[in-house]
Amino acid sequence: MFKALIVIAALQLMVDQAMSQPNCDVVKIAEDYARARWPVDLTTDRRVVRWLEGNVWKVAFEIPPDTLGYVPEIGIDQRTCQVVSAILWQ
């Protein structure tokens, strides 16, 4: 009985860790965070690039090639949909 309980608890932990928020719009969260944090809108008319690093979504708003400017990169936890990092690249 005790072994079965341990197996069930381990399976539940694995499922909880693998599941992400179904309504987590990482691009929208990143846009809102960047607009609130920096005085200039660095998200309009930019190409959005997103990728997954571990359990953190990374969202960057890239500038066109051969231009100068800043590129915000926002990290969002996959499970909680909370911003966990923010970097402004030049």
Protein backbone atom coordinates (compact mmCIF):
# COMPACT_ATOMS: atom_id res chain seq x y z
CA MET A 1 0.00 0.00 0.00
CA PHE A 2 2.80 2.40 0.92
CA LYS A 3 4.68 1.69 -2.34
CA ALA A 4 1.56 2.39 -4.38
CA LEU A 5 1.10 5.70 -2.57
CA ILE A 6 4.70 6.71 -3.35
CA VAL A 7 4.26 5.81 -7.03
CA ILE A 8 1.05 7.84 -7.26
CA ALA A 9 2.68 10.83 -5.57
CA ALA A 10 5.70 10.65 -7.91
CA LEU A 11 3.46 10.47 -10.98
CA GLN A 12 1.45 13.46 -9.78
CA LEU A 13 4.64 15.48 -9.30
CA MET A 14 5.84 14.65 -12.82
CA VAL A 15 2.48 15.60 -14.33
CA ASP A 16 2.37 18.88 -12.38
CA GLN A 17 5.87 19.80 -13.54
CA ALA A 18 5.18 19.00 -17.19
CA MET A 19 1.88 20.86 -17.49
CA SER A 20 1.89 24.50 -18.50
CA GLN A 21 -0.83 27.08 -18.10
CA PRO A 22 -3.37 26.53 -20.90
CA ASN A 23 -4.23 30.24 -21.21
CA CYS A 24 -0.69 31.58 -20.92
CA ASP A 25 -0.14 34.06 -23.78
CA VAL A 26 3.60 34.60 -23.34
CA VAL A 27 3.83 37.25 -26.06
CA LYS A 28 1.08 39.36 -24.48
CA ILE A 29 2.64 38.99 -21.02
CA ALA A 30 6.04 40.03 -22.40
CA GLU A 31 4.57 43.03 -24.27
CA ASP A 32 2.73 44.26 -21.18
CA TYR A 33 5.83 43.84 -19.02
CA ALA A 34 8.12 45.67 -21.48
CA ARG A 35 5.67 48.54 -21.91
CA ALA A 36 5.31 48.94 -18.14
CA ARG A 37 9.04 48.66 -17.39
CA TRP A 38 10.73 50.80 -20.05
CA PRO A 39 9.70 54.38 -20.97
CA VAL A 40 9.84 53.76 -24.75
CA ASP A 41 7.65 51.15 -26.45
CA LEU A 42 10.13 48.53 -27.65
CA THR A 43 7.53 46.07 -28.93
CA THR A 44 5.72 47.87 -31.77
CA ASP A 45 6.60 46.91 -35.36
CA ARG A 46 9.12 44.30 -34.28
CA ARG A 47 9.52 40.65 -35.08
CA VAL A 48 8.60 38.48 -32.10
CA VAL A 49 10.86 35.50 -31.44
CA ARG A 50 10.09 33.01 -28.69
CA TRP A 51 11.78 29.85 -27.52
CA LEU A 52 11.76 27.54 -24.53
CA GLU A 53 14.79 27.24 -22.21
CA GLY A 54 14.05 24.57 -19.63
CA ASN A 55 10.71 25.61 -18.13
CA VAL A 56 11.08 29.30 -19.06
CA TRP A 57 9.67 30.85 -22.23
CA LYS A 58 12.00 33.52 -23.66
CA VAL A 59 10.35 36.24 -25.77
CA ALA A 60 12.43 38.79 -27.70
CA PHE A 61 11.24 41.72 -29.81
CA GLU A 62 13.91 41.95 -32.50
CA ILE A 63 14.80 45.01 -34.56
CA PRO A 64 15.32 44.83 -38.34
CA PRO A 65 18.82 43.92 -39.56
CA ASP A 66 21.25 46.82 -40.10
CA THR A 67 19.50 49.03 -37.54
CA LEU A 68 20.55 50.20 -34.10
CA GLY A 69 18.40 50.01 -31.02
CA TYR A 70 17.42 47.95 -28.02
CA VAL A 71 15.95 44.47 -27.94
CA PRO A 72 13.98 43.43 -24.86
CA GLU A 73 14.13 39.77 -23.88
CA ILE A 74 11.58 38.64 -21.30
CA GLY A 75 11.62 35.28 -19.49
CA ILE A 76 8.29 33.81 -18.41
CA ASP A 77 7.86 30.72 -16.23
CA GLN A 78 5.95 28.07 -18.19
CA ARG A 79 3.95 26.80 -15.21
CA THR A 80 3.06 30.04 -13.41
CA CYS A 81 2.98 32.51 -16.34
CA GLN A 82 5.01 34.96 -14.23
CA VAL A 83 7.92 37.06 -15.51
CA VAL A 84 11.15 35.66 -14.06
CA SER A 85 13.74 37.66 -16.03
CA ALA A 86 14.05 40.75 -18.19
CA ILE A 87 17.07 41.84 -20.20
CA LEU A 88 17.51 44.79 -22.52
CA TRP A 89 20.08 43.97 -25.24
CA GLN A 90 21.75 46.54 -27.46
